[in-house]
C-alpha atoms as a PDB file:
ATOM      1  CA  MET A   1      -0.021  -0.047   0.109  1.00  0.00           C
ATOM      2  CA  GLN A   2       1.550   3.322  -1.027  1.00  0.00           C
ATOM      3  CA  ASN A   3       1.753   6.122   1.588  1.00  0.00           C
ATOM      4  CA  THR A   4       0.345   9.522   0.323  1.00  0.00           C
ATOM      5  CA  LYS A   5       1.035  13.059   1.674  1.00  0.00           C
ATOM      6  CA  GLN A   6      -2.380  14.907   2.362  1.00  0.00           C
ATOM      7  CA  ILE A   7      -1.965  18.827   1.763  1.00  0.00           C
ATOM      8  CA  SER A   8      -4.439  20.788   3.732  1.00  0.00           C
ATOM      9  CA  GLU A   9      -6.209  23.552   2.321  1.00  0.00           C
ATOM     10  CA  PRO A  10      -4.857  27.062   3.331  1.00  0.00           C
ATOM     11  CA  SER A  11      -7.113  28.602   6.200  1.00  0.00           C
ATOM     12  CA  GLN A  12      -9.112  31.836   5.694  1.00  0.00           C
ATOM     13  CA  CYS A  13      -7.275  34.816   7.228  1.00  0.00           C
ATOM     14  CA  ASP A  14      -7.649  38.616   6.855  1.00  0.00           C
ATOM     15  CA  GLN A  15      -6.158  40.234   4.037  1.00  0.00           C
ATOM     16  CA  ALA A  16      -2.626  41.279   4.797  1.00  0.00           C
ATOM     17  CA  LYS A  17      -2.110  45.176   4.564  1.00  0.00           C
ATOM     18  CA  TYR A  18       0.883  47.301   4.961  1.00  0.00           C
ATOM     19  CA  GLU A  19       0.904  51.213   5.183  1.00  0.00           C
ATOM     20  CA  TYR A  20       3.701  53.258   4.128  1.00  0.00           C
ATOM     21  CA  LYS A  21       4.023  56.784   5.091  1.00  0.00           C
ATOM     22  CA  LYS A  22       6.546  59.170   3.440  1.00  0.00           C
ATOM     23  CA  THR A  23       8.435  60.883   6.264  1.00  0.00           C
ATOM     24  CA  SER A  24       9.236  64.057   4.258  1.00  0.00           C
ATOM     25  CA  TYR A  25       8.092  65.914   1.361  1.00  0.00           C
ATOM     26  CA  THR A  26      11.440  67.644   0.727  1.00  0.00           C
ATOM     27  CA  GLU A  27      12.034  65.936  -2.783  1.00  0.00           C
ATOM     28  CA  ILE A  28       8.425  66.926  -3.829  1.00  0.00           C
ATOM     29  CA  TYR A  29       9.073  70.764  -2.852  1.00  0.00           C
ATOM     30  CA  ASN A  30      12.377  70.544  -4.318  1.00  0.00           C
ATOM     31  CA  VAL A  31      11.002  69.631  -7.808  1.00  0.00           C
ATOM     32  CA  LEU A  32       8.268  72.392  -7.124  1.00  0.00           C
ATOM     33  CA  GLN A  33      10.727  74.789  -6.528  1.00  0.00           C
ATOM     34  CA  THR A  34      12.981  73.721  -9.448  1.00  0.00           C
ATOM     35  CA  SER A  35       9.986  73.943 -11.677  1.00  0.00           C
ATOM     36  CA  ARG A  36       9.200  77.426 -10.277  1.00  0.00           C
ATOM     37  CA  GLN A  37      12.561  78.606 -10.938  1.00  0.00           C
ATOM     38  CA  ASP A  38      12.701  77.106 -14.575  1.00  0.00           C
ATOM     39  CA  GLU A  39       9.012  78.596 -14.965  1.00  0.00           C
ATOM     40  CA  VAL A  40       7.661  75.265 -15.712  1.00  0.00           C
ATOM     41  CA  LEU A  41       4.020  74.220 -14.827  1.00  0.00           C
ATOM     42  CA  CYS A  42       3.431  77.543 -13.147  1.00  0.00           C
ATOM     43  CA  ASP A  43       0.200  78.942 -13.281  1.00  0.00           C
ATOM     44  CA  ILE A  44       0.533  82.290 -11.579  1.00  0.00           C
ATOM     45  CA  LYS A  45       2.996  85.166 -11.924  1.00  0.00           C
ATOM     46  CA  LEU A  46       3.213  87.816  -8.897  1.00  0.00           C
ATOM     47  CA  GLU A  47       4.247  91.169  -9.852  1.00  0.00           C
ATOM     48  CA  THR A  48       5.655  94.047  -7.232  1.00  0.00           C
ATOM     49  CA  ASP A  49       5.263  97.618  -7.597  1.00  0.00           C
ATOM     50  CA  ASP A  50       8.524  97.910  -9.316  1.00  0.00           C
ATOM     51  CA  GLY A  51       7.735  95.498 -12.033  1.00  0.00           C
ATOM     52  CA  GLU A  52       9.678  92.573 -10.791  1.00  0.00           C
ATOM     53  CA  VAL A  53       8.010  89.053 -11.418  1.00  0.00           C
ATOM     54  CA  ILE A  54       7.900  86.085  -9.324  1.00  0.00           C
ATOM     55  CA  PHE A  55       6.446  82.638 -10.845  1.00  0.00           C
ATOM     56  CA  GLY A  56       4.534  80.321  -8.820  1.00  0.00           C
ATOM     57  CA  HIS A  57       2.074  77.608  -8.492  1.00  0.00           C
ATOM     58  CA  LYS A  58      -1.546  78.623  -7.056  1.00  0.00           C
ATOM     59  CA  VAL A  59      -2.161  75.442  -5.179  1.00  0.00           C
ATOM     60  CA  VAL A  60       1.134  75.613  -3.297  1.00  0.00           C
ATOM     61  CA  LEU A  61       0.829  79.270  -2.366  1.00  0.00           C
ATOM     62  CA  ALA A  62      -2.593  78.690  -1.396  1.00  0.00           C
ATOM     63  CA  SER A  63      -2.012  75.707   0.893  1.00  0.00           C
ATOM     64  CA  ALA A  64       0.610  78.050   2.650  1.00  0.00           C
ATOM     65  CA  SER A  65      -1.070  81.228   2.821  1.00  0.00           C
ATOM     66  CA  PRO A  66      -4.605  82.241   3.816  1.00  0.00           C
ATOM     67  CA  TYR A  67      -3.971  85.246   1.811  1.00  0.00           C
ATOM     68  CA  PHE A  68      -3.372  83.678  -1.349  1.00  0.00           C
ATOM     69  CA  LEU A  69      -6.033  80.962  -0.596  1.00  0.00           C
ATOM     70  CA  ALA A  70      -8.622  83.662  -0.422  1.00  0.00           C
ATOM     71  CA  MET A  71      -7.207  85.298  -3.500  1.00  0.00           C
ATOM     72  CA  PHE A  72      -7.275  82.275  -5.731  1.00  0.00           C
ATOM     73  CA  THR A  73     -10.700  81.325  -4.547  1.00  0.00           C
ATOM     74  CA  ASN A  74     -13.025  84.061  -3.744  1.00  0.00           C
ATOM     75  CA  PHE A  75     -11.732  86.938  -5.685  1.00  0.00           C
ATOM     76  CA  SER A  76     -11.234  88.125  -9.228  1.00  0.00           C
ATOM     77  CA  GLU A  77      -7.446  86.974  -9.218  1.00  0.00           C
ATOM     78  CA  LYS A  78      -8.735  83.395  -9.321  1.00  0.00           C
ATOM     79  CA  ASN A  79      -9.070  83.498 -13.147  1.00  0.00           C
ATOM     80  CA  GLN A  80      -6.092  85.583 -13.686  1.00  0.00           C
ATOM     81  CA  ASP A  81      -2.414  84.558 -14.298  1.00  0.00           C
ATOM     82  CA  LEU A  82      -0.732  87.768 -13.356  1.00  0.00           C
ATOM     83  CA  VAL A  83      -1.397  89.441 -10.070  1.00  0.00           C
ATOM     84  CA  THR A  84       0.167  92.676  -8.716  1.00  0.00           C
ATOM     85  CA  ILE A  85       1.114  92.509  -4.938  1.00  0.00           C
ATOM     86  CA  ARG A  86       0.831  96.171  -3.879  1.00  0.00           C
ATOM     87  CA  GLN A  87       3.027  97.624  -1.156  1.00  0.00           C
ATOM     88  CA  LEU A  88       5.411  94.629  -1.102  1.00  0.00           C
ATOM     89  CA  ASP A  89       9.246  94.781  -1.306  1.00  0.00           C
ATOM     90  CA  TYR A  90      10.300  92.395  -4.350  1.00  0.00           C
ATOM     91  CA  SER A  91      13.211  90.923  -1.960  1.00  0.00           C
ATOM     92  CA  ALA A  92      10.894  90.404   0.929  1.00  0.00           C
ATOM     93  CA  LEU A  93       8.478  88.727  -1.476  1.00  0.00           C
ATOM     94  CA  GLN A  94      11.169  86.506  -2.955  1.00  0.00           C
ATOM     95  CA  LEU A  95      12.194  85.499   0.586  1.00  0.00           C
ATOM     96  CA  LEU A  96       8.797  84.376   1.386  1.00  0.00           C
ATOM     97  CA  ILE A  97       8.036  82.580  -1.789  1.00  0.00           C
ATOM     98  CA  ASP A  98      11.129  80.551  -1.444  1.00  0.00           C
ATOM     99  CA  PHE A  99      10.029  80.036   2.351  1.00  0.00           C
ATOM    100  CA  VAL A 100       6.854  78.418   1.052  1.00  0.00           C
ATOM    101  CA  TYR A 101       8.481  76.064  -1.130  1.00  0.00           C
ATOM    102  CA  SER A 102      11.724  75.159   0.830  1.00  0.00           C
ATOM    103  CA  GLY A 103      10.548  75.817   4.541  1.00  0.00           C
ATOM    104  CA  LYS A 104      13.667  78.004   5.238  1.00  0.00           C
ATOM    105  CA  ILE A 105      14.255  81.550   5.572  1.00  0.00           C
ATOM    106  CA  SER A 106      17.085  83.606   6.892  1.00  0.00           C
ATOM    107  CA  ILE A 107      16.206  86.953   9.086  1.00  0.00           C
ATOM    108  CA  THR A 108      18.474  89.644   9.675  1.00  0.00           C
ATOM    109  CA  GLU A 109      18.627  93.019  11.318  1.00  0.00           C
ATOM    110  CA  LYS A 110      18.335  94.510   7.710  1.00  0.00           C
ATOM    111  CA  ASN A 111      15.589  92.507   6.563  1.00  0.00           C
ATOM    112  CA  VAL A 112      13.507  91.805   9.669  1.00  0.00           C
ATOM    113  CA  HIS A 113      11.395  94.910   9.304  1.00  0.00           C
ATOM    114  CA  ILE A 114      10.150  94.146   5.629  1.00  0.00           C
ATOM    115  CA  LEU A 115       9.943  90.510   6.788  1.00  0.00           C
ATOM    116  CA  LEU A 116       7.387  91.222   9.584  1.00  0.00           C
ATOM    117  CA  SER A 117       5.361  93.568   7.392  1.00  0.00           C
ATOM    118  CA  ALA A 118       5.131  91.130   4.540  1.00  0.00           C
ATOM    119  CA  SER A 119       4.479  87.908   6.328  1.00  0.00           C
ATOM    120  CA  ASN A 120       1.909  89.915   8.400  1.00  0.00           C
ATOM    121  CA  LEU A 121       0.210  90.974   5.023  1.00  0.00           C
ATOM    122  CA  LEU A 122       0.474  87.433   3.407  1.00  0.00           C
ATOM    123  CA  GLN A 123      -0.506  85.741   6.803  1.00  0.00           C
ATOM    124  CA  LEU A 124       2.602  83.613   6.856  1.00  0.00           C
ATOM    125  CA  GLN A 125       2.440  83.156  10.685  1.00  0.00           C
ATOM    126  CA  GLU A 126       5.302  80.964  11.037  1.00  0.00           C
ATOM    127  CA  VAL A 127       7.572  83.584   9.430  1.00  0.00           C
ATOM    128  CA  LYS A 128       5.784  86.422  11.609  1.00  0.00           C
ATOM    129  CA  ASN A 129       6.597  84.479  14.520  1.00  0.00           C
ATOM    130  CA  ALA A 130      10.167  84.000  13.706  1.00  0.00           C
ATOM    131  CA  CYS A 131      10.699  87.763  13.234  1.00  0.00           C
ATOM    132  CA  CYS A 132       9.078  88.341  16.567  1.00  0.00           C
ATOM    133  CA  ASP A 133      11.618  85.835  18.195  1.00  0.00           C
ATOM    134  CA  PHE A 134      14.455  87.426  16.322  1.00  0.00           C
ATOM    135  CA  LEU A 135      13.516  91.147  17.460  1.00  0.00           C
ATOM    136  CA  GLN A 136      12.704  90.036  21.116  1.00  0.00           C
ATOM    137  CA  ALA A 137      16.388  88.566  21.203  1.00  0.00           C
ATOM    138  CA  GLN A 138      17.878  91.863  20.020  1.00  0.00           C
ATOM    139  CA  ILE A 139      15.675  94.119  22.586  1.00  0.00           C
ATOM    140  CA  CYS A 140      18.033  96.965  23.975  1.00  0.00           C
ATOM    141  CA  PRO A 141      17.602 100.444  25.530  1.00  0.00           C
ATOM    142  CA  THR A 142      18.176 101.906  22.012  1.00  0.00           C
ATOM    143  CA  ASN A 143      15.817 100.145  20.022  1.00  0.00           C
ATOM    144  CA  VAL A 144      13.165  98.977  22.349  1.00  0.00           C
ATOM    145  CA  ILE A 145      10.923 102.014  21.499  1.00  0.00           C
ATOM    146  CA  GLY A 146      11.053 101.063  17.737  1.00  0.00           C
ATOM    147  CA  ILE A 147      10.191  97.397  18.492  1.00  0.00           C
ATOM    148  CA  ILE A 148       7.135  98.640  20.432  1.00  0.00           C
ATOM    149  CA  THR A 149       6.070 100.489  17.663  1.00  0.00           C
ATOM    150  CA  LEU A 150       6.637  97.793  15.055  1.00  0.00           C
ATOM    151  CA  ALA A 151       4.741  95.125  17.358  1.00  0.00           C
ATOM    152  CA  ASP A 152       1.964  97.349  17.879  1.00  0.00           C
ATOM    153  CA  LEU A 153       1.651  98.054  14.290  1.00  0.00           C
ATOM    154  CA  HIS A 154       1.594  94.453  13.237  1.00  0.00           C
ATOM    155  CA  SER A 155      -0.467  92.915  16.194  1.00  0.00           C
ATOM    156  CA  CYS A 156       2.509  91.241  17.548  1.00  0.00           C
ATOM    157  CA  THR A 157       0.880  90.613  21.054  1.00  0.00           C
ATOM    158  CA  LYS A 158       3.674  88.658  22.579  1.00  0.00           C
ATOM    159  CA  LEU A 159       6.530  90.744  21.367  1.00  0.00           C
ATOM    160  CA  LEU A 160       4.543  94.178  22.400  1.00  0.00           C
ATOM    161  CA  THR A 161       4.084  92.809  25.715  1.00  0.00           C
ATOM    162  CA  SER A 162       7.766  91.764  26.355  1.00  0.00           C
ATOM    163  CA  SER A 163       8.913  95.184  24.598  1.00  0.00           C
ATOM    164  CA  GLU A 164       6.874  97.206  26.819  1.00  0.00           C
ATOM    165  CA  LEU A 165       7.887  95.375  30.084  1.00  0.00           C
ATOM    166  CA  TYR A 166      11.574  95.949  28.893  1.00  0.00           C
ATOM    167  CA  PHE A 167      10.991  99.767  28.609  1.00  0.00           C
ATOM    168  CA  GLN A 168       9.390  99.671  32.026  1.00  0.00           C
ATOM    169  CA  GLN A 169      12.311  97.877  33.677  1.00  0.00           C
ATOM    170  CA  HIS A 170      14.891 100.134  31.923  1.00  0.00           C
ATOM    171  CA  PHE A 171      13.259 103.363  31.889  1.00  0.00           C
ATOM    172  CA  SER A 172      16.255 105.441  32.482  1.00  0.00           C
ATOM    173  CA  ASP A 173      18.301 103.757  30.158  1.00  0.00           C
ATOM    174  CA  VAL A 174      15.749 103.996  27.256  1.00  0.00           C
ATOM    175  CA  ILE A 175      14.867 108.049  27.731  1.00  0.00           C
ATOM    176  CA  GLU A 176      18.492 108.653  27.249  1.00  0.00           C
ATOM    177  CA  GLY A 177      18.262 107.311  23.666  1.00  0.00           C
ATOM    178  CA  GLY A 178      17.111 109.167  20.839  1.00  0.00           C
ATOM    179  CA  GLU A 179      13.899 107.177  20.362  1.00  0.00           C
ATOM    180  CA  PHE A 180      11.771 108.495  23.226  1.00  0.00           C
ATOM    181  CA  PRO A 181      10.532 111.561  21.317  1.00  0.00           C
ATOM    182  CA  CYS A 182       9.299 109.241  18.453  1.00  0.00           C
ATOM    183  CA  LEU A 183       6.514 107.772  20.558  1.00  0.00           C
ATOM    184  CA  SER A 184       3.006 108.444  19.873  1.00  0.00           C
ATOM    185  CA  SER A 185       0.629 110.185  22.335  1.00  0.00           C
ATOM    186  CA  GLU A 186      -1.019 106.821  22.965  1.00  0.00           C
ATOM    187  CA  GLN A 187       2.025 105.089  23.572  1.00  0.00           C
ATOM    188  CA  VAL A 188       3.303 107.649  25.950  1.00  0.00           C
ATOM    189  CA  VAL A 189       0.222 107.395  28.020  1.00  0.00           C
ATOM    190  CA  LYS A 190       0.349 103.727  28.042  1.00  0.00           C
ATOM    191  CA  LEU A 191       3.925 103.508  28.998  1.00  0.00           C
ATOM    192  CA  ILE A 192       3.959 106.321  31.709  1.00  0.00           C
ATOM    193  CA  SER A 193       0.942 104.997  33.307  1.00  0.00           C
ATOM    194  CA  SER A 194       2.216 101.993  34.334  1.00  0.00           C
ATOM    195  CA  ASP A 195       2.712 101.118  37.947  1.00  0.00           C
ATOM    196  CA  GLU A 196       5.607  99.101  37.397  1.00  0.00           C
ATOM    197  CA  LEU A 197       7.528 101.719  35.577  1.00  0.00           C
ATOM    198  CA  THR A 198      11.130 101.573  37.251  1.00  0.00           C
ATOM    199  CA  ALA A 199      12.543 104.964  37.454  1.00  0.00           C
ATOM    200  CA  PRO A 200      15.093 106.640  40.053  1.00  0.00           C
ATOM    201  CA  SER A 201      12.233 108.913  40.676  1.00  0.00           C
ATOM    202  CA  GLU A 202       9.107 110.742  39.859  1.00  0.00           C
ATOM    203  CA  GLU A 203      11.074 113.680  38.629  1.00  0.00           C
ATOM    204  CA  LYS A 204      12.679 111.498  36.055  1.00  0.00           C
ATOM    205  CA  ILE A 205       9.238 110.653  34.499  1.00  0.00           C
ATOM    206  CA  PHE A 206       8.136 114.325  34.778  1.00  0.00           C
ATOM    207  CA  GLU A 207      11.320 115.362  33.040  1.00  0.00           C
ATOM    208  CA  SER A 208      10.763 112.913  30.269  1.00  0.00           C
ATOM    209  CA  VAL A 209       7.393 113.852  29.562  1.00  0.00           C
ATOM    210  CA  ILE A 210       7.851 117.527  29.387  1.00  0.00           C
ATOM    211  CA  ARG A 211      10.907 116.843  26.908  1.00  0.00           C
ATOM    212  CA  TRP A 212       8.348 114.898  24.889  1.00  0.00           C
ATOM    213  CA  VAL A 213       5.756 117.466  24.805  1.00  0.00           C
ATOM    214  CA  LYS A 214       8.131 120.074  23.939  1.00  0.00           C
ATOM    215  CA  GLN A 215       9.569 118.129  21.316  1.00  0.00           C
ATOM    216  CA  TYR A 216       6.418 118.322  19.123  1.00  0.00           C
ATOM    217  CA  LEU A 217       4.844 121.227  20.964  1.00  0.00           C
ATOM    218  CA  ASP A 218       1.836 122.303  18.634  1.00  0.00           C
ATOM    219  CA  SER A 219       0.446 118.383  18.492  1.00  0.00           C
ATOM    220  CA  THR A 220       1.261 117.601  22.066  1.00  0.00           C
ATOM    221  CA  LYS A 221       0.494 120.415  24.173  1.00  0.00           C
ATOM    222  CA  GLN A 222      -3.242 119.239  24.066  1.00  0.00           C
ATOM    223  CA  ILE A 223      -2.424 116.168  25.957  1.00  0.00           C
ATOM    224  CA  LEU A 224      -0.393 117.571  28.658  1.00  0.00           C
ATOM    225  CA  PRO A 225      -3.461 118.013  31.188  1.00  0.00           C
ATOM    226  CA  GLN A 226      -4.190 114.214  30.757  1.00  0.00           C
ATOM    227  CA  LEU A 227      -0.606 113.304  31.305  1.00  0.00           C
ATOM    228  CA  MET A 228      -0.584 115.717  34.509  1.00  0.00           C
ATOM    229  CA  GLU A 229      -3.904 114.362  35.832  1.00  0.00           C
ATOM    230  CA  GLU A 230      -3.641 110.666  35.307  1.00  0.00           C
ATOM    231  CA  HIS A 231       0.120 109.646  34.675  1.00  0.00           C
ATOM    232  CA  VAL A 232       2.721 111.930  36.008  1.00  0.00           C
ATOM    233  CA  ARG A 233       2.180 111.667  39.781  1.00  0.00           C
ATOM    234  CA  LEU A 234       3.332 115.239  40.934  1.00  0.00           C
ATOM    235  CA  PRO A 235       2.657 114.736  44.741  1.00  0.00           C
ATOM    236  CA  LEU A 236       5.250 112.273  44.619  1.00  0.00           C
ATOM    237  CA  ILE A 237       7.923 114.599  43.591  1.00  0.00           C
ATOM    238  CA  SER A 238       9.960 116.201  46.360  1.00  0.00           C
ATOM    239  CA  LYS A 239       8.650 119.676  47.399  1.00  0.00           C
ATOM    240  CA  ASP A 240      12.037 121.308  46.596  1.00  0.00           C
ATOM    241  CA  TYR A 241      12.127 120.015  43.098  1.00  0.00           C
ATOM    242  CA  ILE A 242       8.365 121.579  42.480  1.00  0.00           C
ATOM    243  CA  LEU A 243       9.338 124.700  43.967  1.00  0.00           C
ATOM    244  CA  LYS A 244      12.428 124.928  41.773  1.00  0.00           C
ATOM    245  CA  ASN A 245      11.430 123.370  38.465  1.00  0.00           C
ATOM    246  CA  VAL A 246       7.841 122.711  38.133  1.00  0.00           C
ATOM    247  CA  VAL A 247       5.889 125.858  39.611  1.00  0.00           C
ATOM    248  CA  ASP A 248       7.455 128.370  36.968  1.00  0.00           C
ATOM    249  CA  ASP A 249       7.528 125.852  33.997  1.00  0.00           C
ATOM    250  CA  PRO A 250       6.004 127.839  31.390  1.00  0.00           C
ATOM    251  CA  LEU A 251       3.947 124.843  29.868  1.00  0.00           C
ATOM    252  CA  LEU A 252       2.262 124.221  33.137  1.00  0.00           C
ATOM    253  CA  ASN A 253       1.599 127.835  33.841  1.00  0.00           C
ATOM    254  CA  ASN A 254      -0.134 128.255  30.694  1.00  0.00           C
ATOM    255  CA  CYS A 255      -2.602 125.428  31.522  1.00  0.00           C
ATOM    256  CA  PHE A 256      -5.190 126.114  34.380  1.00  0.00           C
ATOM    257  CA  LYS A 257      -5.594 122.132  34.959  1.00  0.00           C
ATOM    258  CA  CYS A 258      -2.056 121.803  35.102  1.00  0.00           C
ATOM    259  CA  LYS A 259      -1.629 124.702  37.728  1.00  0.00           C
ATOM    260  CA  ASP A 260      -4.528 123.100  39.732  1.00  0.00           C
ATOM    261  CA  TYR A 261      -2.290 119.636  39.791  1.00  0.00           C
ATOM    262  CA  VAL A 262       0.778 121.586  40.929  1.00  0.00           C
ATOM    263  CA  LEU A 263      -0.901 123.100  44.000  1.00  0.00           C
ATOM    264  CA  GLU A 264      -2.391 119.823  44.950  1.00  0.00           C
ATOM    265  CA  ALA A 265       1.304 118.449  44.924  1.00  0.00           C
ATOM    266  CA  LEU A 266       2.326 121.325  47.134  1.00  0.00           C
ATOM    267  CA  ARG A 267      -0.607 120.953  49.421  1.00  0.00           C
ATOM    268  CA  PHE A 268       0.199 117.197  49.931  1.00  0.00           C
ATOM    269  CA  HIS A 269       3.632 118.141  50.973  1.00  0.00           C
ATOM    270  CA  LEU A 270       2.246 121.111  53.580  1.00  0.00           C
ATOM    271  CA  LEU A 271      -0.015 118.637  55.268  1.00  0.00           C
ATOM    272  CA  LYS A 272       1.374 117.126  58.414  1.00  0.00           C
ATOM    273  CA  SER A 273       1.983 113.434  58.456  1.00  0.00           C
ATOM    274  CA  GLU A 274      -0.996 112.577  60.500  1.00  0.00           C
ATOM    275  CA  GLU A 275      -3.291 114.687  58.146  1.00  0.00           C
ATOM    276  CA  LEU A 276      -2.250 112.298  55.162  1.00  0.00           C
ATOM    277  CA  ILE A 277      -4.930 110.034  56.121  1.00  0.00           C
ATOM    278  CA  GLN A 278      -7.669 112.612  55.358  1.00  0.00           C
ATOM    279  CA  ILE A 279      -6.371 113.098  51.847  1.00  0.00           C
ATOM    280  CA  PRO A 280      -8.323 111.731  49.130  1.00  0.00           C
ATOM    281  CA  HIS A 281      -6.126 109.002  47.469  1.00  0.00           C
ATOM    282  CA  ASN A 282      -5.977 108.895  43.638  1.00  0.00           C
ATOM    283  CA  ILE A 283      -3.623 107.844  40.952  1.00  0.00           C
ATOM    284  CA  ARG A 284      -1.442 110.942  41.370  1.00  0.00           C
ATOM    285  CA  THR A 285      -0.699 109.987  44.977  1.00  0.00           C
ATOM    286  CA  LYS A 286      -0.259 106.259  44.549  1.00  0.00           C
ATOM    287  CA  PRO A 287       3.295 105.126  44.502  1.00  0.00           C
ATOM    288  CA  ARG A 288       4.489 103.093  41.744  1.00  0.00           C
ATOM    289  CA  GLN A 289       5.438  99.356  42.557  1.00  0.00           C
ATOM    290  CA  PRO A 290       8.301  98.359  40.190  1.00  0.00           C
ATOM    291  CA  GLY A 291       9.659  94.862  40.210  1.00  0.00           C
ATOM    292  CA  GLY A 292       6.348  92.751  40.284  1.00  0.00           C
ATOM    293  CA  THR A 293       6.022  89.506  39.064  1.00  0.00           C
ATOM    294  CA  HIS A 294       6.826  90.104  35.589  1.00  0.00           C
ATOM    295  CA  LYS A 295      10.303  89.148  34.098  1.00  0.00           C
ATOM    296  CA  VAL A 296      11.700  89.710  30.633  1.00  0.00           C
END
């Protein structure tokens, strides 16, 4: 009898599945960047005010920038192959388009201002954040006011907060620079009013405000009463300084409200210490409290 070998039927099992995930899209973007530079398969040309043209792909630009996404889907530019980008520097636009395709950008002291403005316009948040990080690392007494202005202009909340805090903590050094007169009235009010402003004395704050007002007298003298009422704390200035430097100041003498605040400060000093408790407390008699919990 001959032996036979029986082969069993394969059992039923789940279908095999193998998922492969590409770990990097660098090669794809390299190809797209090369085609853009060679002006191959491009469907959009971006022209700056100076007539320079940058080629690109609508889908790539729209995928990176809400600005371009809206432009190429909801506005008349979606049917155009040439679009003029107003108020943008060609070099900044070139750097930003290169970033979209390469994911890399070089930020320097020379280009950070135009890159921040351009990235804010094109809604390239990554570049905007990188510019803010760069500026924050560069803050010093000679540039902090410019950075405050720039951060405020482009709604850079974190940078604005840190630069204003730096101003408060380094007030004496900052006002020695040439930027302080460049502050707007709104900025002066905001910065001088802070309880955390670190200054050697209230006299120093008074002097800086008067110097700022005199810099642009025609446009700033109107705000002087508000500064003296709410933000410069005259009662905290020494009596001798008030008598020597404040009482006869022409700017204050020509303002009825300001003269009232000067008299209030003198009365504050003339009252005996036991009578101070009877004085109505207001912002002008409240000592500043520098060195709070915030740190740069």
